[in-house]
Amino acid sequence: MIQIKKFTFNPVQVNTFLLYDETKECIIIDAGCFFENEKKELDGFIAENGLKPVKLVNTHCHFDHILGINYCRSKYNVPFLSHKDDVFLVERAVESGDRFGVPLEPINGPDEFLEEGQKLEFGNSVLEMIHVPGHAPGSIVFHHPEQKFILAGDVLFYGSIGRTDLPMGSFEQLTSNIKNKLFILPDETMVYCGHGPETSIGFEKMHNPFLMD
């Protein structure tokens, strides 16, 4: 069974998730740790629980979601995975951070690419990948059907959706993808968001003002 630990990191308040199972292998999703105390918090949880990070995985690569990539890559000697369509965001991360007053060092591109339909494996666990562009061109949602949860990144929020006024964003594409790819999941599916609190597919179908027909 997958355990989920949420951390909220950096000036943009990104939710970083650590997923692990009974094997103690874990993956870090959207490594956003920026301040030294945030890095210590992440490291402390990993050490206290005897976990072994095996992958750094991103829902998408806007700068606030990759602020901890250099640190975690070096600390744990693990590969960085994202969708190929977001490589340009990694390349522009320093510039993007400067615009928001968040300094960061250049980040090397992903070591491996994620694609829709591919399986993401760690320990005894497998996550399915759903490509949901519109907020970022490479937005990937990670789905675990058995435990009925998704990690949605900035695709879907509690009562809201991701920004679509950023480079290569599209309101029409995002809302269409949410309805056609995520709203077909069971209503009880828990949604772990890239910012803010959790929600569920059923709640968003009923109450999200951006997704009403």
C-alpha atoms as a PDB file:
ATOM      1  CA  MET A   1       0.000   0.000   0.000  1.00  0.00           C
ATOM      2  CA  ILE A   2       1.264   3.450  -0.919  1.00  0.00           C
ATOM      3  CA  GLN A   3       1.755   5.996   1.855  1.00  0.00           C
ATOM      4  CA  ILE A   4       1.657   9.689   0.941  1.00  0.00           C
ATOM      5  CA  LYS A   5       3.497  12.434   2.793  1.00  0.00           C
ATOM      6  CA  LYS A   6       2.863  16.051   1.802  1.00  0.00           C
ATOM      7  CA  PHE A   7       5.260  18.938   2.364  1.00  0.00           C
ATOM      8  CA  THR A   8       4.531  22.566   1.467  1.00  0.00           C
ATOM      9  CA  PHE A   9       7.705  24.279   0.316  1.00  0.00           C
ATOM     10  CA  ASN A  10       9.227  27.493  -1.038  1.00  0.00           C
ATOM     11  CA  PRO A  11       7.872  31.038  -1.450  1.00  0.00           C
ATOM     12  CA  VAL A  12       5.225  29.841  -3.923  1.00  0.00           C
ATOM     13  CA  GLN A  13       3.891  27.208  -1.472  1.00  0.00           C
ATOM     14  CA  VAL A  14       4.287  24.166  -3.701  1.00  0.00           C
ATOM     15  CA  ASN A  15       3.067  20.817  -2.422  1.00  0.00           C
ATOM     16  CA  THR A  16       5.892  18.302  -2.659  1.00  0.00           C
ATOM     17  CA  PHE A  17       4.831  14.689  -2.229  1.00  0.00           C
ATOM     18  CA  LEU A  18       6.826  11.713  -1.056  1.00  0.00           C
ATOM     19  CA  LEU A  19       5.270   8.357  -1.935  1.00  0.00           C
ATOM     20  CA  TYR A  20       6.512   5.106  -0.418  1.00  0.00           C
ATOM     21  CA  ASP A  21       5.396   1.558   0.243  1.00  0.00           C
ATOM     22  CA  GLU A  22       6.305  -1.424   2.386  1.00  0.00           C
ATOM     23  CA  THR A  23       9.622  -1.903   0.533  1.00  0.00           C
ATOM     24  CA  LYS A  24      10.750   1.541   1.785  1.00  0.00           C
ATOM     25  CA  GLU A  25      11.514   2.654  -1.766  1.00  0.00           C
ATOM     26  CA  CYS A  26      10.101   6.112  -2.389  1.00  0.00           C
ATOM     27  CA  ILE A  27       9.686   8.702  -5.098  1.00  0.00           C
ATOM     28  CA  ILE A  28       9.752  12.471  -4.649  1.00  0.00           C
ATOM     29  CA  ILE A  29       7.135  14.259  -6.720  1.00  0.00           C
ATOM     30  CA  ASP A  30       7.633  17.963  -7.514  1.00  0.00           C
ATOM     31  CA  ALA A  31      10.727  18.542  -5.383  1.00  0.00           C
ATOM     32  CA  GLY A  32      10.131  22.136  -4.343  1.00  0.00           C
ATOM     33  CA  CYS A  33      12.390  22.415  -1.293  1.00  0.00           C
ATOM     34  CA  PHE A  34      14.212  25.755  -1.442  1.00  0.00           C
ATOM     35  CA  PHE A  35      15.144  26.974   2.034  1.00  0.00           C
ATOM     36  CA  GLU A  36      17.620  25.060   4.177  1.00  0.00           C
ATOM     37  CA  ASN A  37      14.985  24.176   6.780  1.00  0.00           C
ATOM     38  CA  GLU A  38      12.826  22.678   4.015  1.00  0.00           C
ATOM     39  CA  LYS A  39      15.673  20.468   2.816  1.00  0.00           C
ATOM     40  CA  LYS A  40      16.253  19.346   6.410  1.00  0.00           C
ATOM     41  CA  GLU A  41      12.543  18.592   6.836  1.00  0.00           C
ATOM     42  CA  LEU A  42      12.519  16.386   3.741  1.00  0.00           C
ATOM     43  CA  ASP A  43      15.780  14.659   4.644  1.00  0.00           C
ATOM     44  CA  GLY A  44      14.619  14.143   8.218  1.00  0.00           C
ATOM     45  CA  PHE A  45      11.422  12.380   7.187  1.00  0.00           C
ATOM     46  CA  ILE A  46      13.314  10.140   4.762  1.00  0.00           C
ATOM     47  CA  ALA A  47      15.909   9.220   7.397  1.00  0.00           C
ATOM     48  CA  GLU A  48      13.445   8.713  10.248  1.00  0.00           C
ATOM     49  CA  ASN A  49      11.362   6.324   8.164  1.00  0.00           C
ATOM     50  CA  GLY A  50      14.307   4.456   6.659  1.00  0.00           C
ATOM     51  CA  LEU A  51      13.264   5.350   3.111  1.00  0.00           C
ATOM     52  CA  LYS A  52      15.284   4.984  -0.078  1.00  0.00           C
ATOM     53  CA  PRO A  53      14.548   7.596  -2.773  1.00  0.00           C
ATOM     54  CA  VAL A  54      14.741   6.054  -6.235  1.00  0.00           C
ATOM     55  CA  LYS A  55      13.289   8.752  -8.528  1.00  0.00           C
ATOM     56  CA  LEU A  56      12.563  12.459  -8.743  1.00  0.00           C
ATOM     57  CA  VAL A  57       9.343  12.820 -10.692  1.00  0.00           C
ATOM     58  CA  ASN A  58       7.560  15.959 -11.836  1.00  0.00           C
ATOM     59  CA  THR A  59       3.942  16.621 -12.676  1.00  0.00           C
ATOM     60  CA  HIS A  60       5.272  19.560 -14.712  1.00  0.00           C
ATOM     61  CA  CYS A  61       8.335  21.788 -14.748  1.00  0.00           C
ATOM     62  CA  HIS A  62       7.347  25.334 -13.861  1.00  0.00           C
ATOM     63  CA  PHE A  63      10.192  26.779 -11.826  1.00  0.00           C
ATOM     64  CA  ASP A  64       8.444  26.546  -8.448  1.00  0.00           C
ATOM     65  CA  HIS A  65       8.039  22.771  -8.846  1.00  0.00           C
ATOM     66  CA  ILE A  66      11.716  22.125  -9.629  1.00  0.00           C
ATOM     67  CA  LEU A  67      13.449  24.323  -7.036  1.00  0.00           C
ATOM     68  CA  GLY A  68      14.652  21.251  -5.154  1.00  0.00           C
ATOM     69  CA  ILE A  69      15.779  19.179  -8.141  1.00  0.00           C
ATOM     70  CA  ASN A  70      19.473  20.059  -7.951  1.00  0.00           C
ATOM     71  CA  TYR A  71      19.594  19.392  -4.217  1.00  0.00           C
ATOM     72  CA  CYS A  72      17.708  16.071  -4.299  1.00  0.00           C
ATOM     73  CA  ARG A  73      19.499  14.845  -7.420  1.00  0.00           C
ATOM     74  CA  SER A  74      22.852  15.374  -5.719  1.00  0.00           C
ATOM     75  CA  LYS A  75      21.827  14.249  -2.229  1.00  0.00           C
ATOM     76  CA  TYR A  76      20.186  10.988  -3.262  1.00  0.00           C
ATOM     77  CA  ASN A  77      21.844  10.291  -6.643  1.00  0.00           C
ATOM     78  CA  VAL A  78      18.523   9.650  -8.349  1.00  0.00           C
ATOM     79  CA  PRO A  79      17.243  10.419 -11.875  1.00  0.00           C
ATOM     80  CA  PHE A  80      14.902  13.295 -12.692  1.00  0.00           C
ATOM     81  CA  LEU A  81      11.850  12.382 -14.798  1.00  0.00           C
ATOM     82  CA  SER A  82       9.328  14.607 -16.570  1.00  0.00           C
ATOM     83  CA  HIS A  83       7.408  14.869 -19.837  1.00  0.00           C
ATOM     84  CA  LYS A  84       9.528  15.910 -22.828  1.00  0.00           C
ATOM     85  CA  ASP A  85       7.221  18.830 -23.637  1.00  0.00           C
ATOM     86  CA  ASP A  86       8.361  20.624 -20.483  1.00  0.00           C
ATOM     87  CA  VAL A  87      12.089  20.576 -21.221  1.00  0.00           C
ATOM     88  CA  PHE A  88      11.950  24.206 -22.328  1.00  0.00           C
ATOM     89  CA  LEU A  89      10.617  25.155 -18.883  1.00  0.00           C
ATOM     90  CA  VAL A  90      13.648  23.576 -17.223  1.00  0.00           C
ATOM     91  CA  GLU A  91      15.899  25.484 -19.600  1.00  0.00           C
ATOM     92  CA  ARG A  92      14.135  28.756 -18.688  1.00  0.00           C
ATOM     93  CA  ALA A  93      13.923  28.090 -14.958  1.00  0.00           C
ATOM     94  CA  VAL A  94      16.522  30.690 -13.922  1.00  0.00           C
ATOM     95  CA  GLU A  95      14.811  33.367 -16.000  1.00  0.00           C
ATOM     96  CA  SER A  96      11.388  32.417 -14.652  1.00  0.00           C
ATOM     97  CA  GLY A  97      12.614  32.461 -11.068  1.00  0.00           C
ATOM     98  CA  ASP A  98      14.129  35.910 -11.551  1.00  0.00           C
ATOM     99  CA  ARG A  99      10.760  37.266 -12.680  1.00  0.00           C
ATOM    100  CA  PHE A 100       9.235  36.122  -9.395  1.00  0.00           C
ATOM    101  CA  GLY A 101      12.201  37.166  -7.272  1.00  0.00           C
ATOM    102  CA  VAL A 102      13.266  33.592  -6.548  1.00  0.00           C
ATOM    103  CA  PRO A 103      16.939  32.950  -7.409  1.00  0.00           C
ATOM    104  CA  LEU A 104      17.993  29.497  -8.515  1.00  0.00           C
ATOM    105  CA  GLU A 105      20.911  27.789 -10.206  1.00  0.00           C
ATOM    106  CA  PRO A 106      20.633  26.294 -13.710  1.00  0.00           C
ATOM    107  CA  ILE A 107      19.073  22.828 -13.735  1.00  0.00           C
ATOM    108  CA  ASN A 108      20.100  20.083 -16.118  1.00  0.00           C
ATOM    109  CA  GLY A 109      17.297  18.568 -18.151  1.00  0.00           C
ATOM    110  CA  PRO A 110      15.462  15.349 -17.264  1.00  0.00           C
ATOM    111  CA  ASP A 111      17.318  12.045 -17.277  1.00  0.00           C
ATOM    112  CA  GLU A 112      14.245  10.170 -18.495  1.00  0.00           C
ATOM    113  CA  PHE A 113      10.947  11.138 -20.067  1.00  0.00           C
ATOM    114  CA  LEU A 114       7.411  10.240 -18.999  1.00  0.00           C
ATOM    115  CA  GLU A 115       4.604   9.502 -21.444  1.00  0.00           C
ATOM    116  CA  GLU A 116       0.882   8.878 -21.224  1.00  0.00           C
ATOM    117  CA  GLY A 117       0.073   5.220 -20.740  1.00  0.00           C
ATOM    118  CA  GLN A 118       3.496   4.474 -19.321  1.00  0.00           C
ATOM    119  CA  LYS A 119       3.769   2.878 -15.879  1.00  0.00           C
ATOM    120  CA  LEU A 120       5.810   4.521 -13.128  1.00  0.00           C
ATOM    121  CA  GLU A 121       7.174   1.845 -10.813  1.00  0.00           C
ATOM    122  CA  PHE A 122       8.810   1.977  -7.388  1.00  0.00           C
ATOM    123  CA  GLY A 123       9.001  -0.765  -4.790  1.00  0.00           C
ATOM    124  CA  ASN A 124       5.900  -2.923  -5.211  1.00  0.00           C
ATOM    125  CA  SER A 125       3.849   0.000  -6.506  1.00  0.00           C
ATOM    126  CA  VAL A 126       2.784   1.185  -9.938  1.00  0.00           C
ATOM    127  CA  LEU A 127       1.298   4.536 -10.939  1.00  0.00           C
ATOM    128  CA  GLU A 128      -0.439   5.193 -14.244  1.00  0.00           C
ATOM    129  CA  MET A 129       0.305   8.388 -16.151  1.00  0.00           C
ATOM    130  CA  ILE A 130      -2.265  10.663 -17.776  1.00  0.00           C
ATOM    131  CA  HIS A 131      -1.064  13.521 -19.998  1.00  0.00           C
ATOM    132  CA  VAL A 132      -3.208  16.590 -19.257  1.00  0.00           C
ATOM    133  CA  PRO A 133      -1.751  19.652 -21.027  1.00  0.00           C
ATOM    134  CA  GLY A 134      -3.261  23.108 -20.747  1.00  0.00           C
ATOM    135  CA  HIS A 135      -1.517  24.533 -17.695  1.00  0.00           C
ATOM    136  CA  ALA A 136       1.867  23.324 -18.910  1.00  0.00           C
ATOM    137  CA  PRO A 137       2.366  21.393 -22.155  1.00  0.00           C
ATOM    138  CA  GLY A 138       3.942  18.486 -20.304  1.00  0.00           C
ATOM    139  CA  SER A 139       1.551  18.216 -17.368  1.00  0.00           C
ATOM    140  CA  ILE A 140       1.310  14.620 -16.160  1.00  0.00           C
ATOM    141  CA  VAL A 141      -1.246  13.351 -13.637  1.00  0.00           C
ATOM    142  CA  PHE A 142      -0.246  10.243 -11.674  1.00  0.00           C
ATOM    143  CA  HIS A 143      -3.082   7.812 -10.993  1.00  0.00           C
ATOM    144  CA  HIS A 144      -3.350   4.859  -8.621  1.00  0.00           C
ATOM    145  CA  PRO A 145      -6.643   3.134  -9.459  1.00  0.00           C
ATOM    146  CA  GLU A 146      -6.595   0.636  -6.578  1.00  0.00           C
ATOM    147  CA  GLN A 147      -6.246   3.278  -3.856  1.00  0.00           C
ATOM    148  CA  LYS A 148      -8.294   5.753  -5.896  1.00  0.00           C
ATOM    149  CA  PHE A 149      -6.071   8.808  -5.861  1.00  0.00           C
ATOM    150  CA  ILE A 150      -4.343  11.093  -8.327  1.00  0.00           C
ATOM    151  CA  LEU A 151      -1.513  13.563  -7.980  1.00  0.00           C
ATOM    152  CA  ALA A 152      -2.699  16.337 -10.240  1.00  0.00           C
ATOM    153  CA  GLY A 153       0.041  18.945 -10.026  1.00  0.00           C
ATOM    154  CA  ASP A 154      -1.383  22.290 -11.135  1.00  0.00           C
ATOM    155  CA  VAL A 155      -4.001  20.796 -13.446  1.00  0.00           C
ATOM    156  CA  LEU A 156      -6.843  20.737 -10.912  1.00  0.00           C
ATOM    157  CA  PHE A 157      -7.252  22.479  -7.558  1.00  0.00           C
ATOM    158  CA  TYR A 158      -9.915  22.614  -4.872  1.00  0.00           C
ATOM    159  CA  GLY A 159     -12.561  24.738  -6.584  1.00  0.00           C
ATOM    160  CA  SER A 160     -10.187  25.908  -9.298  1.00  0.00           C
ATOM    161  CA  ILE A 161      -7.849  24.936 -12.129  1.00  0.00           C
ATOM    162  CA  GLY A 162      -4.290  25.770 -13.108  1.00  0.00           C
ATOM    163  CA  ARG A 163      -3.329  29.084 -14.673  1.00  0.00           C
ATOM    164  CA  THR A 164      -3.565  29.146 -18.444  1.00  0.00           C
ATOM    165  CA  ASP A 165      -1.939  32.537 -19.098  1.00  0.00           C
ATOM    166  CA  LEU A 166       1.590  31.108 -18.973  1.00  0.00           C
ATOM    167  CA  PRO A 167       3.617  30.085 -22.056  1.00  0.00           C
ATOM    168  CA  MET A 168       1.814  27.402 -24.068  1.00  0.00           C
ATOM    169  CA  GLY A 169      -1.147  27.447 -21.676  1.00  0.00           C
ATOM    170  CA  SER A 170      -4.700  27.031 -22.967  1.00  0.00           C
ATOM    171  CA  PHE A 171      -7.954  27.338 -21.015  1.00  0.00           C
ATOM    172  CA  GLU A 172      -9.891  25.379 -23.638  1.00  0.00           C
ATOM    173  CA  GLN A 173      -7.326  22.592 -23.742  1.00  0.00           C
ATOM    174  CA  LEU A 174      -7.052  22.338 -19.972  1.00  0.00           C
ATOM    175  CA  THR A 175     -10.785  22.276 -19.238  1.00  0.00           C
ATOM    176  CA  SER A 176     -11.427  19.802 -22.061  1.00  0.00           C
ATOM    177  CA  ASN A 177      -8.681  17.486 -20.816  1.00  0.00           C
ATOM    178  CA  ILE A 178      -9.934  17.615 -17.229  1.00  0.00           C
ATOM    179  CA  LYS A 179     -13.457  16.704 -18.309  1.00  0.00           C
ATOM    180  CA  ASN A 180     -12.419  13.992 -20.765  1.00  0.00           C
ATOM    181  CA  LYS A 181      -9.487  12.441 -18.893  1.00  0.00           C
ATOM    182  CA  LEU A 182     -10.008  13.087 -15.177  1.00  0.00           C
ATOM    183  CA  PHE A 183     -13.757  13.403 -14.721  1.00  0.00           C
ATOM    184  CA  ILE A 184     -14.154   9.857 -16.070  1.00  0.00           C
ATOM    185  CA  LEU A 185     -12.446   8.579 -12.900  1.00  0.00           C
ATOM    186  CA  PRO A 186     -14.593   7.439  -9.944  1.00  0.00           C
ATOM    187  CA  ASP A 187     -16.126  10.291  -7.955  1.00  0.00           C
ATOM    188  CA  GLU A 188     -14.398   9.138  -4.771  1.00  0.00           C
ATOM    189  CA  THR A 189     -10.944   9.516  -6.335  1.00  0.00           C
ATOM    190  CA  MET A 190      -8.848  11.732  -4.054  1.00  0.00           C
ATOM    191  CA  VAL A 191      -7.041  14.605  -5.760  1.00  0.00           C
ATOM    192  CA  TYR A 192      -3.694  15.703  -4.319  1.00  0.00           C
ATOM    193  CA  CYS A 193      -3.033  19.147  -5.772  1.00  0.00           C
ATOM    194  CA  GLY A 194       0.159  21.034  -6.553  1.00  0.00           C
ATOM    195  CA  HIS A 195      -0.949  23.900  -4.281  1.00  0.00           C
ATOM    196  CA  GLY A 196      -3.531  24.061  -1.535  1.00  0.00           C
ATOM    197  CA  PRO A 197      -5.729  21.350  -0.003  1.00  0.00           C
ATOM    198  CA  GLU A 198      -6.883  18.004  -1.350  1.00  0.00           C
ATOM    199  CA  THR A 199     -10.214  17.537  -3.067  1.00  0.00           C
ATOM    200  CA  SER A 200     -12.059  14.787  -4.921  1.00  0.00           C
ATOM    201  CA  ILE A 201     -13.191  14.189  -8.476  1.00  0.00           C
ATOM    202  CA  GLY A 202     -16.831  14.065  -7.384  1.00  0.00           C
ATOM    203  CA  PHE A 203     -16.629  17.370  -5.527  1.00  0.00           C
ATOM    204  CA  GLU A 204     -15.016  19.158  -8.468  1.00  0.00           C
ATOM    205  CA  LYS A 205     -17.564  17.787 -10.920  1.00  0.00           C
ATOM    206  CA  MET A 206     -20.315  19.243  -8.748  1.00  0.00           C
ATOM    207  CA  HIS A 207     -18.784  22.490  -7.566  1.00  0.00           C
ATOM    208  CA  ASN A 208     -15.823  23.689  -9.661  1.00  0.00           C
ATOM    209  CA  PRO A 209     -16.988  26.914 -11.368  1.00  0.00           C
ATOM    210  CA  PHE A 210     -14.428  26.589 -14.157  1.00  0.00           C
ATOM    211  CA  LEU A 211     -15.755  23.185 -15.204  1.00  0.00           C
ATOM    212  CA  MET A 212     -19.492  23.687 -15.262  1.00  0.00           C
ATOM    213  CA  ASP A 213     -21.151  22.904 -18.579  1.00  0.00           C
END
